[in-house]
Amino acid sequence: MTSTSSRTIEMDFADQPASLSTVLDRLFGIGKMQLDEARATILSGRPVIITGMGGSFHVSVPLTYHLSALGISANLIETGELVRHRLPLCRNAVVVVVSQSGETVETVQLLDAVIGLNAVTIGITNEEPGSLAQRAHHPVIVGSPRDSMAAMQTYIGTMAALMALSGR
């Protein structure tokens, strides 16, 4: 990824503590109601499908393990695989969709595909105007400052949001 910004990857790394503080302030401040609604949905007794691509997939692994340890049926499936091959798993499920931009092609395809499956969607995204934030039943906005080179601050912010979603 190229950037026209004068920021460096070292600056993004050094700014992680402040970035995490910003995310937590949002999650437990103006985003608390959305977080609580999403958490209640996770605990509703429906099976939970967690999905993302790339870093959004990998950051979701701890959430999957934590929910499973709590006795919640939770499965992590890459979004492309889910939308193309395993869509029936979304029927009557809670589908937690993780996407930094909320505009990944497969994410938008999944949002279209779950219509009519009685799925409830929770969107974990950093971009409030994105499709995921606008179309998920329960959007949770991470609110991390954007990274200039690699997704460091947004990755840690997303991890914090997912752990807050699980009740950690």
N, C-alpha and C. Protein backbone atom coordinates (compact mmCIF):
# COMPACT_ATOMS: atom_id res chain seq x y z
N MET A 1 0.85 -1.16 0.00
CA MET A 1 0.00 0.00 0.00
C MET A 1 0.90 1.23 0.00
N THR A 2 0.62 2.14 -0.86
CA THR A 2 1.40 3.37 -0.90
C THR A 2 0.60 4.48 -0.26
N SER A 3 1.32 5.47 0.22
CA SER A 3 0.67 6.57 0.90
C SER A 3 1.33 7.87 0.49
N THR A 4 0.51 8.89 0.35
CA THR A 4 1.05 10.21 0.06
C THR A 4 1.24 11.00 1.35
N SER A 5 0.94 10.40 2.46
CA SER A 5 1.06 11.05 3.76
C SER A 5 2.52 11.11 4.19
N SER A 6 2.83 12.07 5.04
CA SER A 6 4.19 12.16 5.58
C SER A 6 4.36 11.24 6.79
N ARG A 7 3.28 10.54 7.17
CA ARG A 7 3.38 9.60 8.29
C ARG A 7 4.20 8.39 7.88
N THR A 8 4.82 7.78 8.87
CA THR A 8 5.61 6.58 8.63
C THR A 8 5.03 5.43 9.42
N ILE A 9 5.48 4.23 9.09
CA ILE A 9 5.04 3.05 9.83
C ILE A 9 5.49 3.13 11.29
N GLU A 10 6.62 3.75 11.52
CA GLU A 10 7.12 3.94 12.88
C GLU A 10 6.18 4.83 13.69
N MET A 11 5.63 5.84 13.03
CA MET A 11 4.66 6.72 13.71
C MET A 11 3.39 5.95 14.07
N ASP A 12 2.92 5.12 13.13
CA ASP A 12 1.73 4.30 13.41
C ASP A 12 2.00 3.38 14.60
N PHE A 13 3.18 2.79 14.63
CA PHE A 13 3.53 1.89 15.74
C PHE A 13 3.56 2.65 17.06
N ALA A 14 4.21 3.81 17.07
CA ALA A 14 4.32 4.61 18.29
C ALA A 14 2.96 5.13 18.75
N ASP A 15 2.03 5.30 17.83
CA ASP A 15 0.72 5.85 18.17
C ASP A 15 -0.28 4.79 18.64
N GLN A 16 0.13 3.52 18.70
CA GLN A 16 -0.80 2.46 19.07
C GLN A 16 -1.46 2.66 20.43
N PRO A 17 -0.74 3.06 21.49
CA PRO A 17 -1.43 3.25 22.77
C PRO A 17 -2.53 4.31 22.70
N ALA A 18 -2.26 5.42 22.06
CA ALA A 18 -3.27 6.48 21.93
C ALA A 18 -4.42 6.00 21.06
N SER A 19 -4.11 5.25 20.00
CA SER A 19 -5.14 4.73 19.11
C SER A 19 -6.07 3.77 19.86
N LEU A 20 -5.49 2.88 20.66
CA LEU A 20 -6.30 1.94 21.43
C LEU A 20 -7.18 2.68 22.43
N SER A 21 -6.65 3.71 23.04
CA SER A 21 -7.44 4.52 23.96
C SER A 21 -8.63 5.16 23.24
N THR A 22 -8.41 5.63 22.02
CA THR A 22 -9.48 6.22 21.22
C THR A 22 -10.57 5.18 20.93
N VAL A 23 -10.15 3.97 20.57
CA VAL A 23 -11.10 2.90 20.28
C VAL A 23 -11.91 2.55 21.52
N LEU A 24 -11.26 2.37 22.65
CA LEU A 24 -11.97 2.00 23.88
C LEU A 24 -12.91 3.11 24.33
N ASP A 25 -12.48 4.36 24.19
CA ASP A 25 -13.37 5.48 24.53
C ASP A 25 -14.63 5.44 23.68
N ARG A 26 -14.48 5.12 22.40
CA ARG A 26 -15.65 5.06 21.53
C ARG A 26 -16.54 3.87 21.88
N LEU A 27 -15.93 2.68 22.02
CA LEU A 27 -16.71 1.47 22.29
C LEU A 27 -17.52 1.58 23.57
N PHE A 28 -16.93 2.19 24.59
CA PHE A 28 -17.61 2.26 25.89
C PHE A 28 -18.20 3.64 26.16
N GLY A 29 -18.19 4.49 25.12
CA GLY A 29 -18.81 5.81 25.19
C GLY A 29 -19.97 5.85 24.22
N ILE A 30 -19.77 6.57 23.09
CA ILE A 30 -20.88 6.74 22.14
C ILE A 30 -21.27 5.43 21.45
N GLY A 31 -20.40 4.43 21.45
CA GLY A 31 -20.72 3.15 20.81
C GLY A 31 -21.23 2.08 21.75
N LYS A 32 -21.41 2.43 23.02
CA LYS A 32 -21.77 1.41 24.02
C LYS A 32 -23.12 0.76 23.73
N MET A 33 -24.11 1.52 23.33
CA MET A 33 -25.42 0.95 23.06
C MET A 33 -25.34 -0.07 21.92
N GLN A 34 -24.61 0.26 20.84
CA GLN A 34 -24.46 -0.66 19.72
C GLN A 34 -23.70 -1.92 20.15
N LEU A 35 -22.65 -1.73 20.95
CA LEU A 35 -21.88 -2.86 21.45
C LEU A 35 -22.75 -3.76 22.32
N ASP A 36 -23.53 -3.18 23.22
CA ASP A 36 -24.40 -3.98 24.09
C ASP A 36 -25.46 -4.74 23.30
N GLU A 37 -26.04 -4.09 22.28
CA GLU A 37 -27.03 -4.77 21.44
C GLU A 37 -26.39 -5.93 20.68
N ALA A 38 -25.20 -5.70 20.16
CA ALA A 38 -24.50 -6.77 19.43
C ALA A 38 -24.14 -7.92 20.37
N ARG A 39 -23.68 -7.59 21.57
CA ARG A 39 -23.33 -8.63 22.55
C ARG A 39 -24.57 -9.45 22.92
N ALA A 40 -25.71 -8.81 23.14
CA ALA A 40 -26.95 -9.53 23.45
C ALA A 40 -27.34 -10.45 22.30
N THR A 41 -27.10 -10.02 21.08
CA THR A 41 -27.41 -10.85 19.91
C THR A 41 -26.52 -12.09 19.89
N ILE A 42 -25.24 -11.91 20.21
CA ILE A 42 -24.30 -13.05 20.29
C ILE A 42 -24.78 -14.07 21.33
N LEU A 43 -25.36 -13.58 22.41
CA LEU A 43 -25.79 -14.45 23.50
C LEU A 43 -27.22 -14.97 23.32
N SER A 44 -27.83 -14.75 22.15
CA SER A 44 -29.24 -15.07 21.92
C SER A 44 -29.54 -16.56 21.80
N GLY A 45 -28.51 -17.38 21.68
CA GLY A 45 -28.72 -18.81 21.53
C GLY A 45 -28.63 -19.30 20.10
N ARG A 46 -28.58 -18.38 19.16
CA ARG A 46 -28.41 -18.77 17.76
C ARG A 46 -26.96 -19.19 17.53
N PRO A 47 -26.70 -20.05 16.55
CA PRO A 47 -25.31 -20.33 16.20
C PRO A 47 -24.67 -19.05 15.66
N VAL A 48 -23.36 -18.94 15.84
CA VAL A 48 -22.63 -17.75 15.43
C VAL A 48 -21.63 -18.13 14.34
N ILE A 49 -21.70 -17.42 13.24
CA ILE A 49 -20.73 -17.56 12.15
C ILE A 49 -19.92 -16.27 12.14
N ILE A 50 -18.62 -16.38 12.24
CA ILE A 50 -17.73 -15.23 12.22
C ILE A 50 -16.96 -15.28 10.91
N THR A 51 -16.87 -14.14 10.24
CA THR A 51 -16.25 -14.14 8.93
C THR A 51 -15.47 -12.87 8.66
N GLY A 52 -14.40 -13.01 7.89
CA GLY A 52 -13.57 -11.89 7.47
C GLY A 52 -12.58 -12.41 6.45
N MET A 53 -11.80 -11.51 5.91
CA MET A 53 -10.78 -11.89 4.92
C MET A 53 -9.45 -11.30 5.34
N GLY A 54 -8.36 -12.00 5.06
CA GLY A 54 -7.04 -11.50 5.38
C GLY A 54 -6.88 -11.23 6.87
N GLY A 55 -6.42 -10.04 7.21
CA GLY A 55 -6.24 -9.66 8.60
C GLY A 55 -7.54 -9.70 9.39
N SER A 56 -8.64 -9.38 8.74
CA SER A 56 -9.95 -9.42 9.41
C SER A 56 -10.35 -10.84 9.78
N PHE A 57 -9.91 -11.82 9.01
CA PHE A 57 -10.13 -13.22 9.34
C PHE A 57 -9.27 -13.60 10.55
N HIS A 58 -8.00 -13.28 10.48
CA HIS A 58 -7.07 -13.70 11.53
C HIS A 58 -7.33 -13.03 12.87
N VAL A 59 -7.75 -11.77 12.85
CA VAL A 59 -8.03 -11.08 14.11
C VAL A 59 -9.26 -11.67 14.80
N SER A 60 -10.06 -12.44 14.06
CA SER A 60 -11.29 -13.02 14.60
C SER A 60 -11.09 -14.36 15.29
N VAL A 61 -9.91 -14.94 15.17
CA VAL A 61 -9.66 -16.26 15.78
C VAL A 61 -9.90 -16.24 17.30
N PRO A 62 -9.37 -15.28 18.06
CA PRO A 62 -9.62 -15.29 19.50
C PRO A 62 -11.11 -15.19 19.87
N LEU A 63 -11.88 -14.41 19.12
CA LEU A 63 -13.32 -14.31 19.39
C LEU A 63 -13.97 -15.68 19.24
N THR A 64 -13.63 -16.38 18.17
CA THR A 64 -14.20 -17.70 17.93
C THR A 64 -13.89 -18.65 19.09
N TYR A 65 -12.65 -18.68 19.52
CA TYR A 65 -12.26 -19.55 20.63
C TYR A 65 -12.94 -19.16 21.93
N HIS A 66 -13.02 -17.86 22.19
CA HIS A 66 -13.63 -17.41 23.43
C HIS A 66 -15.12 -17.76 23.47
N LEU A 67 -15.83 -17.51 22.38
CA LEU A 67 -17.26 -17.85 22.36
C LEU A 67 -17.47 -19.35 22.51
N SER A 68 -16.63 -20.14 21.84
CA SER A 68 -16.74 -21.60 21.96
C SER A 68 -16.50 -22.04 23.40
N ALA A 69 -15.53 -21.41 24.07
CA ALA A 69 -15.25 -21.74 25.47
C ALA A 69 -16.43 -21.40 26.38
N LEU A 70 -17.24 -20.43 25.96
CA LEU A 70 -18.43 -20.05 26.73
C LEU A 70 -19.62 -20.96 26.42
N GLY A 71 -19.43 -21.92 25.52
CA GLY A 71 -20.50 -22.83 25.15
C GLY A 71 -21.36 -22.34 24.01
N ILE A 72 -20.92 -21.29 23.33
CA ILE A 72 -21.65 -20.75 22.18
C ILE A 72 -21.13 -21.43 20.92
N SER A 73 -22.05 -21.93 20.09
CA SER A 73 -21.65 -22.55 18.84
C SER A 73 -21.12 -21.47 17.90
N ALA A 74 -19.80 -21.41 17.74
CA ALA A 74 -19.17 -20.36 16.93
C ALA A 74 -18.20 -20.98 15.95
N ASN A 75 -18.31 -20.56 14.70
CA ASN A 75 -17.42 -21.04 13.64
C ASN A 75 -16.86 -19.87 12.87
N LEU A 76 -15.58 -19.95 12.53
CA LEU A 76 -14.90 -18.93 11.75
C LEU A 76 -14.73 -19.45 10.32
N ILE A 77 -15.27 -18.70 9.35
CA ILE A 77 -15.22 -19.11 7.95
C ILE A 77 -14.83 -17.89 7.13
N GLU A 78 -13.84 -18.04 6.27
CA GLU A 78 -13.40 -16.95 5.41
C GLU A 78 -14.58 -16.50 4.54
N THR A 79 -14.71 -15.19 4.33
CA THR A 79 -15.90 -14.63 3.70
C THR A 79 -16.13 -15.15 2.28
N GLY A 80 -15.09 -15.25 1.46
CA GLY A 80 -15.26 -15.78 0.11
C GLY A 80 -15.80 -17.20 0.12
N GLU A 81 -15.25 -18.03 1.01
CA GLU A 81 -15.73 -19.41 1.14
C GLU A 81 -17.17 -19.44 1.62
N LEU A 82 -17.48 -18.59 2.59
CA LEU A 82 -18.82 -18.57 3.15
C LEU A 82 -19.85 -18.18 2.10
N VAL A 83 -19.60 -17.12 1.38
CA VAL A 83 -20.59 -16.62 0.42
C VAL A 83 -20.73 -17.54 -0.80
N ARG A 84 -19.66 -18.23 -1.17
CA ARG A 84 -19.69 -19.06 -2.37
C ARG A 84 -20.06 -20.52 -2.10
N HIS A 85 -19.69 -21.05 -0.93
CA HIS A 85 -19.83 -22.49 -0.71
C HIS A 85 -20.58 -22.90 0.55
N ARG A 86 -20.68 -22.02 1.54
CA ARG A 86 -21.23 -22.47 2.82
C ARG A 86 -22.35 -21.58 3.33
N LEU A 87 -22.98 -20.87 2.43
CA LEU A 87 -24.03 -19.92 2.78
C LEU A 87 -25.17 -20.52 3.61
N PRO A 88 -25.57 -21.78 3.39
CA PRO A 88 -26.66 -22.33 4.22
C PRO A 88 -26.38 -22.30 5.72
N LEU A 89 -25.11 -22.23 6.12
CA LEU A 89 -24.79 -22.13 7.55
C LEU A 89 -25.30 -20.84 8.17
N CYS A 90 -25.57 -19.84 7.34
CA CYS A 90 -26.03 -18.54 7.84
C CYS A 90 -27.51 -18.53 8.19
N ARG A 91 -28.25 -19.54 7.73
CA ARG A 91 -29.69 -19.57 8.00
C ARG A 91 -29.94 -19.60 9.52
N ASN A 92 -30.71 -18.64 10.00
CA ASN A 92 -31.08 -18.51 11.42
C ASN A 92 -29.88 -18.29 12.34
N ALA A 93 -28.78 -17.84 11.80
CA ALA A 93 -27.56 -17.63 12.59
C ALA A 93 -27.30 -16.15 12.84
N VAL A 94 -26.41 -15.90 13.77
CA VAL A 94 -25.82 -14.58 13.94
C VAL A 94 -24.54 -14.59 13.11
N VAL A 95 -24.42 -13.66 12.18
CA VAL A 95 -23.26 -13.61 11.30
C VAL A 95 -22.46 -12.36 11.66
N VAL A 96 -21.28 -12.57 12.23
CA VAL A 96 -20.39 -11.48 12.61
C VAL A 96 -19.44 -11.26 11.44
N VAL A 97 -19.59 -10.12 10.77
CA VAL A 97 -18.81 -9.81 9.59
C VAL A 97 -17.76 -8.77 9.97
N VAL A 98 -16.49 -9.12 9.78
CA VAL A 98 -15.39 -8.25 10.16
C VAL A 98 -14.71 -7.76 8.88
N SER A 99 -14.68 -6.44 8.70
CA SER A 99 -14.05 -5.85 7.52
C SER A 99 -13.63 -4.43 7.86
N GLN A 100 -12.35 -4.16 7.76
CA GLN A 100 -11.84 -2.83 8.10
C GLN A 100 -12.56 -1.75 7.29
N SER A 101 -12.66 -1.94 5.99
CA SER A 101 -13.30 -0.93 5.14
C SER A 101 -14.81 -1.09 5.07
N GLY A 102 -15.29 -2.31 5.26
CA GLY A 102 -16.71 -2.57 5.10
C GLY A 102 -17.15 -2.60 3.66
N GLU A 103 -16.20 -2.56 2.74
CA GLU A 103 -16.51 -2.50 1.31
C GLU A 103 -15.90 -3.64 0.52
N THR A 104 -15.30 -4.62 1.17
CA THR A 104 -14.74 -5.76 0.46
C THR A 104 -15.82 -6.39 -0.41
N VAL A 105 -15.48 -6.75 -1.63
CA VAL A 105 -16.47 -7.29 -2.57
C VAL A 105 -17.24 -8.45 -1.94
N GLU A 106 -16.53 -9.39 -1.34
CA GLU A 106 -17.18 -10.56 -0.74
C GLU A 106 -18.06 -10.17 0.44
N THR A 107 -17.68 -9.14 1.18
CA THR A 107 -18.49 -8.67 2.30
C THR A 107 -19.83 -8.16 1.78
N VAL A 108 -19.80 -7.35 0.75
CA VAL A 108 -21.03 -6.81 0.17
C VAL A 108 -21.87 -7.94 -0.42
N GLN A 109 -21.22 -8.91 -1.08
CA GLN A 109 -21.95 -10.06 -1.62
C GLN A 109 -22.63 -10.84 -0.50
N LEU A 110 -21.94 -11.01 0.62
CA LEU A 110 -22.52 -11.73 1.76
C LEU A 110 -23.73 -10.99 2.31
N LEU A 111 -23.63 -9.69 2.45
CA LEU A 111 -24.76 -8.90 2.95
C LEU A 111 -25.98 -9.09 2.05
N ASP A 112 -25.76 -9.16 0.74
CA ASP A 112 -26.86 -9.42 -0.19
C ASP A 112 -27.38 -10.84 -0.04
N ALA A 113 -26.47 -11.80 0.11
CA ALA A 113 -26.83 -13.22 0.10
C ALA A 113 -27.60 -13.66 1.34
N VAL A 114 -27.40 -13.01 2.48
CA VAL A 114 -28.08 -13.46 3.71
C VAL A 114 -29.50 -12.93 3.83
N ILE A 115 -29.87 -12.03 2.92
CA ILE A 115 -31.26 -11.55 2.93
C ILE A 115 -32.17 -12.74 2.67
N GLY A 116 -33.15 -12.92 3.51
CA GLY A 116 -34.07 -14.04 3.37
C GLY A 116 -33.66 -15.30 4.10
N LEU A 117 -32.50 -15.29 4.75
CA LEU A 117 -32.04 -16.46 5.50
C LEU A 117 -32.32 -16.35 7.00
N ASN A 118 -33.02 -15.30 7.40
CA ASN A 118 -33.31 -15.04 8.81
C ASN A 118 -32.04 -14.93 9.63
N ALA A 119 -30.98 -14.43 9.01
CA ALA A 119 -29.72 -14.19 9.70
C ALA A 119 -29.74 -12.79 10.31
N VAL A 120 -29.05 -12.66 11.44
CA VAL A 120 -28.85 -11.34 12.05
C VAL A 120 -27.37 -11.01 11.88
N THR A 121 -27.09 -9.86 11.30
CA THR A 121 -25.70 -9.50 11.02
C THR A 121 -25.17 -8.49 12.03
N ILE A 122 -23.94 -8.73 12.45
CA ILE A 122 -23.19 -7.79 13.27
C ILE A 122 -21.99 -7.39 12.43
N GLY A 123 -21.82 -6.11 12.20
CA GLY A 123 -20.72 -5.63 11.38
C GLY A 123 -19.67 -4.96 12.24
N ILE A 124 -18.46 -5.46 12.18
CA ILE A 124 -17.33 -4.87 12.88
C ILE A 124 -16.46 -4.20 11.82
N THR A 125 -16.42 -2.87 11.83
CA THR A 125 -15.73 -2.14 10.78
C THR A 125 -15.16 -0.83 11.32
N ASN A 126 -14.17 -0.35 10.63
CA ASN A 126 -13.56 0.92 11.03
C ASN A 126 -14.18 2.10 10.27
N GLU A 127 -14.91 1.81 9.23
CA GLU A 127 -15.42 2.87 8.36
C GLU A 127 -16.93 3.02 8.50
N GLU A 128 -17.34 4.07 9.18
CA GLU A 128 -18.76 4.29 9.43
C GLU A 128 -19.59 4.50 8.16
N PRO A 129 -19.08 5.15 7.13
CA PRO A 129 -19.92 5.30 5.94
C PRO A 129 -19.93 4.08 5.02
N GLY A 130 -19.17 3.03 5.35
CA GLY A 130 -19.08 1.86 4.48
C GLY A 130 -20.35 1.04 4.46
N SER A 131 -20.44 0.16 3.47
CA SER A 131 -21.62 -0.69 3.30
C SER A 131 -21.90 -1.55 4.53
N LEU A 132 -20.86 -2.10 5.13
CA LEU A 132 -21.07 -2.95 6.30
C LEU A 132 -21.69 -2.17 7.45
N ALA A 133 -21.19 -0.98 7.71
CA ALA A 133 -21.74 -0.16 8.80
C ALA A 133 -23.18 0.25 8.51
N GLN A 134 -23.48 0.48 7.26
CA GLN A 134 -24.81 0.93 6.88
C GLN A 134 -25.83 -0.20 6.80
N ARG A 135 -25.37 -1.42 6.49
CA ARG A 135 -26.31 -2.50 6.22
C ARG A 135 -26.41 -3.57 7.29
N ALA A 136 -25.44 -3.65 8.19
CA ALA A 136 -25.51 -4.66 9.25
C ALA A 136 -26.66 -4.32 10.20
N HIS A 137 -27.29 -5.34 10.75
CA HIS A 137 -28.33 -5.10 11.75
C HIS A 137 -27.76 -4.40 12.98
N HIS A 138 -26.55 -4.82 13.34
CA HIS A 138 -25.89 -4.26 14.52
C HIS A 138 -24.47 -3.85 14.14
N PRO A 139 -24.28 -2.62 13.67
CA PRO A 139 -22.92 -2.17 13.34
C PRO A 139 -22.15 -1.77 14.60
N VAL A 140 -20.91 -2.20 14.68
CA VAL A 140 -20.00 -1.78 15.75
C VAL A 140 -18.82 -1.10 15.05
N ILE A 141 -18.71 0.19 15.28
CA ILE A 141 -17.66 0.97 14.63
C ILE A 141 -16.43 0.97 15.53
N VAL A 142 -15.30 0.51 14.99
CA VAL A 142 -14.06 0.43 15.75
C VAL A 142 -13.56 1.83 16.09
N GLY A 143 -13.52 2.71 15.12
CA GLY A 143 -13.13 4.09 15.37
C GLY A 143 -11.64 4.32 15.55
N SER A 144 -10.83 3.45 14.99
CA SER A 144 -9.38 3.61 15.09
C SER A 144 -8.89 4.63 14.07
N PRO A 145 -7.87 5.40 14.43
CA PRO A 145 -7.25 6.22 13.38
C PRO A 145 -6.73 5.31 12.28
N ARG A 146 -6.76 5.80 11.06
CA ARG A 146 -6.27 5.00 9.94
C ARG A 146 -4.76 4.88 9.99
N ASP A 147 -4.28 3.74 9.52
CA ASP A 147 -2.84 3.51 9.43
C ASP A 147 -2.32 4.09 8.12
N SER A 148 -1.03 4.41 8.11
CA SER A 148 -0.47 4.97 6.88
C SER A 148 0.11 3.90 5.97
N MET A 149 0.60 2.81 6.51
CA MET A 149 1.25 1.79 5.68
C MET A 149 0.61 0.41 5.87
N ALA A 150 0.71 -0.12 7.05
CA ALA A 150 0.18 -1.45 7.36
C ALA A 150 -0.89 -1.31 8.44
N ALA A 151 -1.83 -2.23 8.43
CA ALA A 151 -2.94 -2.17 9.39
C ALA A 151 -2.47 -2.61 10.77
N MET A 152 -1.90 -1.69 11.51
CA MET A 152 -1.47 -1.98 12.88
C MET A 152 -2.49 -1.46 13.88
N GLN A 153 -2.74 -0.15 13.82
CA GLN A 153 -3.68 0.45 14.76
C GLN A 153 -5.08 -0.11 14.57
N THR A 154 -5.50 -0.27 13.31
CA THR A 154 -6.83 -0.79 13.04
C THR A 154 -6.95 -2.26 13.44
N TYR A 155 -5.87 -3.03 13.31
CA TYR A 155 -5.88 -4.44 13.71
C TYR A 155 -6.07 -4.55 15.22
N ILE A 156 -5.28 -3.80 15.98
CA ILE A 156 -5.39 -3.82 17.44
C ILE A 156 -6.75 -3.29 17.87
N GLY A 157 -7.23 -2.23 17.20
CA GLY A 157 -8.55 -1.69 17.52
C GLY A 157 -9.65 -2.70 17.25
N THR A 158 -9.55 -3.43 16.14
CA THR A 158 -10.54 -4.45 15.82
C THR A 158 -10.49 -5.57 16.85
N MET A 159 -9.29 -5.96 17.26
CA MET A 159 -9.16 -6.99 18.31
C MET A 159 -9.86 -6.53 19.59
N ALA A 160 -9.67 -5.28 19.96
CA ALA A 160 -10.32 -4.75 21.16
C ALA A 160 -11.84 -4.79 21.01
N ALA A 161 -12.34 -4.42 19.85
CA ALA A 161 -13.79 -4.44 19.62
C ALA A 161 -14.33 -5.86 19.69
N LEU A 162 -13.61 -6.82 19.11
CA LEU A 162 -14.08 -8.21 19.15
C LEU A 162 -14.05 -8.78 20.56
N MET A 163 -13.02 -8.44 21.33
CA MET A 163 -12.97 -8.92 22.72
C MET A 163 -14.06 -8.25 23.57
N ALA A 164 -14.34 -6.98 23.29
CA ALA A 164 -15.45 -6.31 23.99
C ALA A 164 -16.78 -6.96 23.62
N LEU A 165 -16.93 -7.34 22.35
CA LEU A 165 -18.13 -8.03 21.90
C LEU A 165 -18.33 -9.35 22.63
N SER A 166 -17.22 -10.02 22.92
CA SER A 166 -17.32 -11.32 23.60
C SER A 166 -17.47 -11.18 25.11
N GLY A 167 -17.37 -9.97 25.60
CA GLY A 167 -17.52 -9.75 27.04
C GLY A 167 -16.21 -9.76 27.79
N ARG A 168 -15.08 -9.79 27.09
CA ARG A 168 -13.77 -9.81 27.74
C ARG A 168 -13.38 -8.40 28.16
